[in-house]
Amino acid sequence: MCVSPAYLGRKFANKDFCRIFVLTVPVLHTIRTARGSFFLAMSQKPARTIAEQLQLLKERGMMFREEAKAQYYLQNISYYRLKGYWWDMQKDRTTHAFNDNTYFEDVVERYNFDRELRLILFDAIERIEIALRTKMIYHLSLAKGPTWYRCEELFVDNDKYLGHIDHLEREFRYSQEIFIKDHKRRYPNEDPEAWKIFEIASMGTLSKFYKNLDHQLPAKAQIAKELGLNLHSELSSWLESITYIRNIIAHHSRIWSRNMVKRPVDTLNNPTGIWFDQELLDVQKKKSFLIISILIFLCDHVVPENGIKNKILRLIANKPNVPIYKLGFLNNWEKTPLWS
């Protein structure tokens, strides 16, 4: 909704004080009321044409090797989306002036690197998600029956369980899968077997159900063991972080130079696979490096010779000018047991 200064003047006329809104862009309007006047700083920046966007970048010191191609990129990748890849190239974040020799093409190379990396990681996540789903269905159905997810006593936190089961039922209710529709038609009053309902469950739902399972269940430990871990708590932590990065990727959002909100455990209790032999740096934990390493570890247990690591190494080799330390790849990362 567009709000005029006159409207705001009427809106705040009965206030006993004046407000000053300090926002990012100093586009000021004076609002006069019966109680006095105040300034309103509008946050909206003016819309710019592609030509104006290019001119603005030039004024801030960005250089171009092929300006015609830059125009093409800005027509298909928004200025604001690319901004996340040039943010650290600025020498002044108030004036947004760029460092010397900052080229638009280098920004695009970072963008393409990030895009290709996300595609590789999504492939890895798919393999892990399907394996987790399969193992939960198999081990728990054999141990506790085909509708084990309905047994509240199998879960630690009852309140969380009720929320999780509600979400699972919603996924079932709205599913358009043929086998789900067939179940609803043939058995309208019966709960679907786990191998039906969990086949449509999201990674987040799977992760939450696994974490909330009774810690003493042999099946819970078995699932972790088959994925190379000796503690279910380690797997729960990893699954939460994988769900987090999966959601970033699914929304085509940036991994590049991003701090991970979900930070998984990195110190493991005698894992069965190859892991790190020394403490990781904090920057490796807060950037995507640790989660990417986790995906490689799990894929090696789910699908041996999966090629995920080699694809990442090949991507890095093909783009030597991309500063991968922005993702936490530093401190001789390539010489660690997992990556060597």
Protein backbone atom coordinates (compact mmCIF):
# COMPACT_ATOMS: atom_id res chain seq x y z
CA MET A 1 0.00 0.00 0.00
CA CYS A 2 1.29 3.49 -0.87
CA VAL A 3 1.00 5.92 2.04
CA SER A 4 1.08 9.66 1.44
CA PRO A 5 2.61 12.20 3.82
CA ALA A 6 -0.85 13.74 4.22
CA TYR A 7 -2.24 10.41 5.41
CA LEU A 8 0.59 10.01 7.91
CA GLY A 9 -0.03 13.52 9.17
CA ARG A 10 -3.63 12.61 9.98
CA LYS A 11 -2.57 9.26 11.41
CA PHE A 12 -0.16 10.75 13.92
CA ALA A 13 -2.10 13.95 14.68
CA ASN A 14 -3.26 12.66 18.06
CA LYS A 15 0.20 11.61 19.28
CA ASP A 16 1.80 13.42 22.22
CA PHE A 17 5.27 13.12 20.80
CA CYS A 18 7.12 13.31 17.51
CA ARG A 19 8.80 10.28 16.03
CA ILE A 20 11.90 10.25 13.94
CA PHE A 21 12.33 7.21 11.76
CA VAL A 22 15.95 6.66 10.85
CA LEU A 23 16.21 4.20 7.98
CA THR A 24 18.71 3.45 5.29
CA VAL A 25 17.76 6.01 2.66
CA PRO A 26 17.45 9.69 3.59
CA VAL A 27 14.34 10.47 1.55
CA LEU A 28 12.67 12.79 4.04
CA HIS A 29 9.15 14.12 4.29
CA THR A 30 8.06 16.69 6.86
CA ILE A 31 4.82 15.69 8.57
CA ARG A 32 2.96 18.59 10.19
CA THR A 33 0.34 17.84 12.80
CA ALA A 34 -1.56 19.78 15.41
CA ARG A 35 1.04 18.67 17.95
CA GLY A 36 4.03 19.71 15.89
CA SER A 37 6.16 18.37 13.07
CA PHE A 38 8.36 15.36 12.59
CA PHE A 39 10.45 13.87 9.82
CA LEU A 40 9.73 10.53 8.19
CA ALA A 41 12.69 8.85 6.49
CA MET A 42 11.44 6.59 3.74
CA SER A 43 13.26 3.26 3.27
CA GLN A 44 12.18 2.69 -0.31
CA LYS A 45 14.91 3.10 -2.89
CA PRO A 46 13.96 4.15 -6.40
CA ALA A 47 13.60 1.43 -9.03
CA ARG A 48 16.39 1.53 -11.62
CA THR A 49 16.60 0.41 -15.22
CA ILE A 50 19.32 -2.02 -16.27
CA ALA A 51 21.28 0.89 -17.74
CA GLU A 52 20.98 2.79 -14.46
CA GLN A 53 22.11 -0.27 -12.49
CA LEU A 54 25.20 -0.56 -14.66
CA GLN A 55 25.91 3.14 -14.28
CA LEU A 56 25.58 2.90 -10.50
CA LEU A 57 28.07 0.02 -10.38
CA LYS A 58 30.51 2.02 -12.52
CA GLU A 59 30.19 5.05 -10.25
CA ARG A 60 31.07 2.81 -7.30
CA GLY A 61 34.19 1.55 -9.04
CA MET A 62 33.15 -1.75 -10.58
CA MET A 63 34.80 -2.60 -13.90
CA PHE A 64 33.55 -4.63 -16.85
CA ARG A 65 35.34 -6.80 -19.38
CA GLU A 66 32.23 -7.20 -21.55
CA GLU A 67 29.54 -4.71 -20.64
CA ALA A 68 27.02 -6.15 -23.10
CA LYS A 69 27.11 -9.47 -21.28
CA ALA A 70 26.71 -7.68 -17.95
CA GLN A 71 23.48 -6.21 -19.25
CA TYR A 72 22.28 -9.69 -20.18
CA TYR A 73 23.07 -11.04 -16.71
CA LEU A 74 21.23 -8.22 -14.97
CA GLN A 75 18.20 -8.88 -17.14
CA ASN A 76 18.08 -12.48 -15.90
CA ILE A 77 19.69 -12.37 -12.44
CA SER A 78 18.53 -9.56 -10.22
CA TYR A 79 20.94 -6.86 -9.05
CA TYR A 80 19.99 -7.59 -5.45
CA ARG A 81 20.66 -11.32 -5.83
CA LEU A 82 24.14 -10.66 -7.23
CA LYS A 83 24.80 -8.21 -4.41
CA GLY A 84 25.38 -11.13 -2.02
CA TYR A 85 28.37 -12.17 -4.15
CA TRP A 86 30.05 -8.76 -4.33
CA TRP A 87 29.38 -7.65 -0.76
CA ASP A 88 32.91 -8.46 0.45
CA MET A 89 34.42 -6.75 -2.62
CA GLN A 90 33.48 -3.35 -1.20
CA LYS A 91 36.12 -1.22 0.49
CA ASP A 92 33.47 1.07 2.00
CA ARG A 93 30.12 -0.41 2.96
CA THR A 94 28.59 2.99 3.59
CA THR A 95 29.29 4.47 0.17
CA HIS A 96 29.42 0.96 -1.39
CA ALA A 97 32.65 1.81 -3.19
CA PHE A 98 34.40 -1.26 -4.60
CA ASN A 99 37.97 -2.39 -4.15
CA ASP A 100 40.35 -1.65 -7.00
CA ASN A 101 40.19 -4.09 -9.92
CA THR A 102 36.77 -5.42 -9.00
CA TYR A 103 35.24 -6.91 -12.14
CA PHE A 104 31.59 -7.77 -12.72
CA GLU A 105 32.65 -11.00 -14.42
CA ASP A 106 34.34 -12.16 -11.20
CA VAL A 107 31.03 -11.69 -9.39
CA VAL A 108 29.28 -13.80 -12.02
CA GLU A 109 31.94 -16.49 -11.65
CA ARG A 110 31.25 -16.64 -7.92
CA TYR A 111 27.52 -16.84 -8.65
CA ASN A 112 27.97 -19.70 -11.12
CA PHE A 113 30.32 -21.54 -8.73
CA ASP A 114 27.71 -21.30 -5.99
CA ARG A 115 24.96 -22.50 -8.32
CA GLU A 116 26.95 -25.52 -9.49
CA LEU A 117 27.93 -26.38 -5.92
CA ARG A 118 24.29 -26.27 -4.81
CA LEU A 119 23.32 -28.70 -7.57
CA ILE A 120 26.03 -31.14 -6.47
CA LEU A 121 24.99 -30.85 -2.83
CA PHE A 122 21.32 -31.38 -3.68
CA ASP A 123 22.30 -34.63 -5.37
CA ALA A 124 24.08 -35.68 -2.17
CA ILE A 125 21.15 -34.68 0.03
CA GLU A 126 18.73 -36.67 -2.12
CA ARG A 127 20.78 -39.83 -1.62
CA ILE A 128 20.95 -39.31 2.15
CA GLU A 129 17.28 -38.41 2.48
CA ILE A 130 16.14 -41.52 0.60
CA ALA A 131 18.51 -43.74 2.60
CA LEU A 132 17.30 -42.29 5.91
CA ARG A 133 13.67 -42.76 4.90
CA THR A 134 14.34 -46.36 3.86
CA LYS A 135 16.18 -47.26 7.06
CA MET A 136 13.55 -45.70 9.33
CA ILE A 137 10.76 -47.53 7.53
CA TYR A 138 12.62 -50.85 7.46
CA HIS A 139 14.02 -51.11 10.98
CA LEU A 140 11.11 -49.56 12.86
CA SER A 141 8.39 -51.36 10.90
CA LEU A 142 10.01 -54.73 11.52
CA ALA A 143 10.55 -53.97 15.21
CA LYS A 144 7.32 -52.12 16.07
CA GLY A 145 4.82 -52.83 13.30
CA PRO A 146 3.70 -51.08 10.09
CA THR A 147 2.11 -48.13 11.89
CA TRP A 148 4.83 -47.60 14.51
CA TYR A 149 4.62 -43.84 14.05
CA ARG A 150 1.25 -43.98 15.88
CA CYS A 151 2.84 -45.40 19.06
CA GLU A 152 3.35 -42.38 21.32
CA GLU A 153 5.37 -44.46 23.78
CA LEU A 154 8.15 -44.74 21.19
CA PHE A 155 8.89 -41.02 21.44
CA VAL A 156 10.61 -38.93 24.09
CA ASP A 157 8.73 -35.63 23.95
CA ASN A 158 4.96 -36.02 23.68
CA ASP A 159 4.28 -32.38 22.81
CA LYS A 160 6.77 -32.47 19.97
CA TYR A 161 5.39 -35.81 18.84
CA LEU A 162 1.89 -34.36 18.51
CA GLY A 163 3.25 -31.53 16.39
CA HIS A 164 5.24 -33.91 14.21
CA ILE A 165 2.35 -36.30 13.66
CA ASP A 166 0.08 -33.39 12.78
CA HIS A 167 2.57 -32.25 10.15
CA LEU A 168 2.93 -35.79 8.80
CA GLU A 169 -0.85 -36.09 8.49
CA ARG A 170 -0.99 -32.79 6.60
CA GLU A 171 1.60 -34.06 4.14
CA PHE A 172 -0.49 -37.23 3.72
CA ARG A 173 -3.72 -35.27 3.34
CA TYR A 174 -2.45 -33.02 0.56
CA SER A 175 -0.36 -35.58 -1.30
CA GLN A 176 -1.27 -36.25 -4.92
CA GLU A 177 0.82 -39.41 -5.20
CA ILE A 178 -1.06 -42.26 -6.87
CA PHE A 179 -0.35 -44.76 -4.10
CA ILE A 180 -1.62 -42.29 -1.48
CA LYS A 181 -4.82 -41.65 -3.43
CA ASP A 182 -5.26 -45.41 -3.81
CA HIS A 183 -4.92 -45.91 -0.05
CA LYS A 184 -7.48 -43.21 0.69
CA ARG A 185 -9.91 -44.79 -1.76
CA ARG A 186 -9.49 -48.38 -0.62
CA TYR A 187 -8.91 -47.87 3.11
CA PRO A 188 -10.47 -44.51 4.00
CA ASN A 189 -10.60 -45.21 7.74
CA GLU A 190 -7.23 -46.90 8.20
CA ASP A 191 -3.82 -45.40 8.93
CA PRO A 192 -1.38 -45.96 6.07
CA GLU A 193 1.62 -48.18 6.67
CA ALA A 194 4.89 -46.41 7.40
CA TRP A 195 6.27 -47.30 3.98
CA LYS A 196 3.45 -45.30 2.41
CA ILE A 197 3.20 -42.24 4.61
CA PHE A 198 6.94 -41.77 5.15
CA GLU A 199 7.57 -42.06 1.44
CA ILE A 200 6.04 -38.59 1.09
CA ALA A 201 7.52 -37.14 4.29
CA SER A 202 9.90 -34.21 3.94
CA MET A 203 13.51 -34.30 5.13
CA GLY A 204 12.53 -32.04 8.01
CA THR A 205 9.78 -34.41 9.13
CA LEU A 206 12.09 -37.43 8.92
CA SER A 207 14.74 -35.61 10.93
CA LYS A 208 12.29 -34.60 13.66
CA PHE A 209 10.80 -38.07 13.99
CA TYR A 210 14.25 -39.62 14.23
CA LYS A 211 15.49 -37.19 16.87
CA ASN A 212 12.39 -37.69 19.03
CA LEU A 213 12.57 -41.50 19.00
CA ASP A 214 13.26 -43.16 22.35
CA HIS A 215 17.02 -43.17 22.81
CA GLN A 216 16.95 -46.79 24.00
CA LEU A 217 15.39 -48.13 20.81
CA PRO A 218 17.81 -50.54 19.11
CA ALA A 219 16.47 -49.39 15.74
CA LYS A 220 17.55 -45.81 16.42
CA ALA A 221 21.10 -46.91 17.13
CA GLN A 222 21.11 -49.24 14.14
CA ILE A 223 20.15 -46.45 11.76
CA ALA A 224 23.02 -44.27 13.02
CA LYS A 225 25.44 -47.20 12.80
CA GLU A 226 24.52 -47.92 9.18
CA LEU A 227 25.31 -44.29 8.39
CA GLY A 228 28.75 -44.56 9.96
CA LEU A 229 28.08 -43.04 13.39
CA ASN A 230 28.16 -44.61 16.83
CA LEU A 231 25.85 -42.12 18.54
CA HIS A 232 22.28 -41.29 17.55
CA SER A 233 22.80 -37.78 18.95
CA GLU A 234 25.51 -37.19 16.33
CA LEU A 235 23.18 -38.26 13.54
CA SER A 236 20.35 -36.09 14.91
CA SER A 237 22.63 -33.07 14.90
CA TRP A 238 23.76 -33.81 11.36
CA LEU A 239 20.23 -34.33 10.07
CA GLU A 240 19.13 -30.95 11.44
CA SER A 241 21.97 -29.19 9.64
CA ILE A 242 21.28 -31.11 6.41
CA THR A 243 17.62 -30.10 6.57
CA TYR A 244 18.70 -26.50 7.05
CA ILE A 245 21.02 -26.42 4.04
CA ARG A 246 18.50 -28.41 1.98
CA ASN A 247 15.93 -25.66 2.52
CA ILE A 248 18.45 -23.04 1.43
CA ILE A 249 19.18 -24.97 -1.74
CA ALA A 250 15.53 -25.76 -2.45
CA HIS A 251 14.78 -22.03 -2.43
CA HIS A 252 17.78 -21.36 -4.73
CA SER A 253 19.33 -19.21 -2.04
CA ARG A 254 22.99 -18.40 -1.61
CA ILE A 255 25.46 -20.69 0.17
CA TRP A 256 28.37 -18.45 -0.77
CA SER A 257 30.00 -16.77 2.25
CA ARG A 258 26.95 -17.55 4.37
CA ASN A 259 27.07 -18.33 8.08
CA MET A 260 25.21 -21.54 8.85
CA VAL A 261 22.53 -21.10 11.53
CA LYS A 262 22.50 -24.83 12.24
CA ARG A 263 25.99 -25.89 13.28
CA PRO A 264 26.36 -29.68 13.57
CA VAL A 265 28.71 -31.49 15.92
CA ASP A 266 32.14 -32.05 14.40
CA THR A 267 33.80 -34.17 17.09
CA LEU A 268 32.67 -37.77 16.65
CA ASN A 269 32.85 -40.82 18.90
CA ASN A 270 34.92 -43.33 16.91
CA PRO A 271 33.09 -43.09 13.54
CA THR A 272 33.36 -46.06 11.20
CA GLY A 273 34.22 -43.87 8.23
CA ILE A 274 37.03 -41.44 7.41
CA TRP A 275 36.62 -38.14 9.24
CA PHE A 276 38.87 -35.28 10.37
CA ASP A 277 41.90 -36.09 12.48
CA GLN A 278 42.21 -32.62 14.02
CA GLU A 279 40.01 -29.87 15.42
CA LEU A 280 38.33 -27.71 12.80
CA LEU A 281 38.69 -23.95 12.87
CA ASP A 282 35.66 -21.96 13.97
CA VAL A 283 35.26 -20.45 10.51
CA GLN A 284 35.12 -23.96 9.02
CA LYS A 285 32.29 -24.79 11.40
CA LYS A 286 30.23 -21.65 10.86
CA LYS A 287 30.54 -21.65 7.07
CA SER A 288 29.26 -24.44 4.82
CA PHE A 289 32.52 -26.44 4.82
CA LEU A 290 31.53 -28.63 7.76
CA ILE A 291 28.06 -29.46 6.41
CA ILE A 292 29.51 -30.19 2.97
CA SER A 293 32.01 -32.54 4.63
CA ILE A 294 29.15 -34.26 6.47
CA LEU A 295 27.34 -34.86 3.18
CA ILE A 296 30.45 -36.52 1.75
CA PHE A 297 30.88 -38.71 4.84
CA LEU A 298 27.26 -39.91 4.77
CA CYS A 299 27.18 -40.43 1.01
CA ASP A 300 30.23 -42.66 1.28
CA HIS A 301 28.16 -44.95 3.55
CA VAL A 302 24.93 -44.71 1.58
CA VAL A 303 26.30 -45.04 -1.96
CA PRO A 304 29.97 -46.05 -2.18
CA GLU A 305 31.76 -44.55 -5.19
CA ASN A 306 29.07 -41.85 -5.38
CA GLY A 307 31.41 -39.30 -6.93
CA ILE A 308 30.15 -36.35 -4.88
CA LYS A 309 33.56 -35.41 -3.50
CA ASN A 310 35.20 -35.69 -6.91
CA LYS A 311 32.56 -33.41 -8.43
CA ILE A 312 33.27 -30.77 -5.79
CA LEU A 313 37.04 -31.09 -6.25
CA ARG A 314 36.61 -30.80 -10.00
CA LEU A 315 34.44 -27.70 -9.61
CA ILE A 316 37.07 -26.07 -7.40
CA ALA A 317 39.85 -26.98 -9.85
CA ASN A 318 37.89 -25.57 -12.79
CA LYS A 319 37.38 -22.21 -11.05
CA PRO A 320 40.77 -21.44 -9.49
CA ASN A 321 40.03 -17.72 -9.16
CA VAL A 322 37.06 -18.26 -6.85
CA PRO A 323 38.15 -17.67 -3.21
CA ILE A 324 36.75 -20.84 -1.64
CA TYR A 325 37.93 -19.81 1.82
CA LYS A 326 34.68 -17.81 1.85
CA LEU A 327 32.98 -21.20 2.30
CA GLY A 328 35.39 -22.32 5.04
CA PHE A 329 37.77 -24.21 2.75
CA LEU A 330 41.06 -23.29 4.42
CA ASN A 331 43.81 -24.53 6.74
CA ASN A 332 45.05 -27.24 4.32
CA TRP A 333 41.56 -28.66 3.99
CA GLU A 334 42.54 -30.73 0.94
CA LYS A 335 45.12 -32.66 3.00
CA THR A 336 42.65 -33.84 5.66
CA PRO A 337 41.75 -37.57 5.62
CA LEU A 338 38.18 -36.95 4.46
CA TRP A 339 39.16 -34.76 1.51
CA SER A 340 42.51 -36.24 0.45
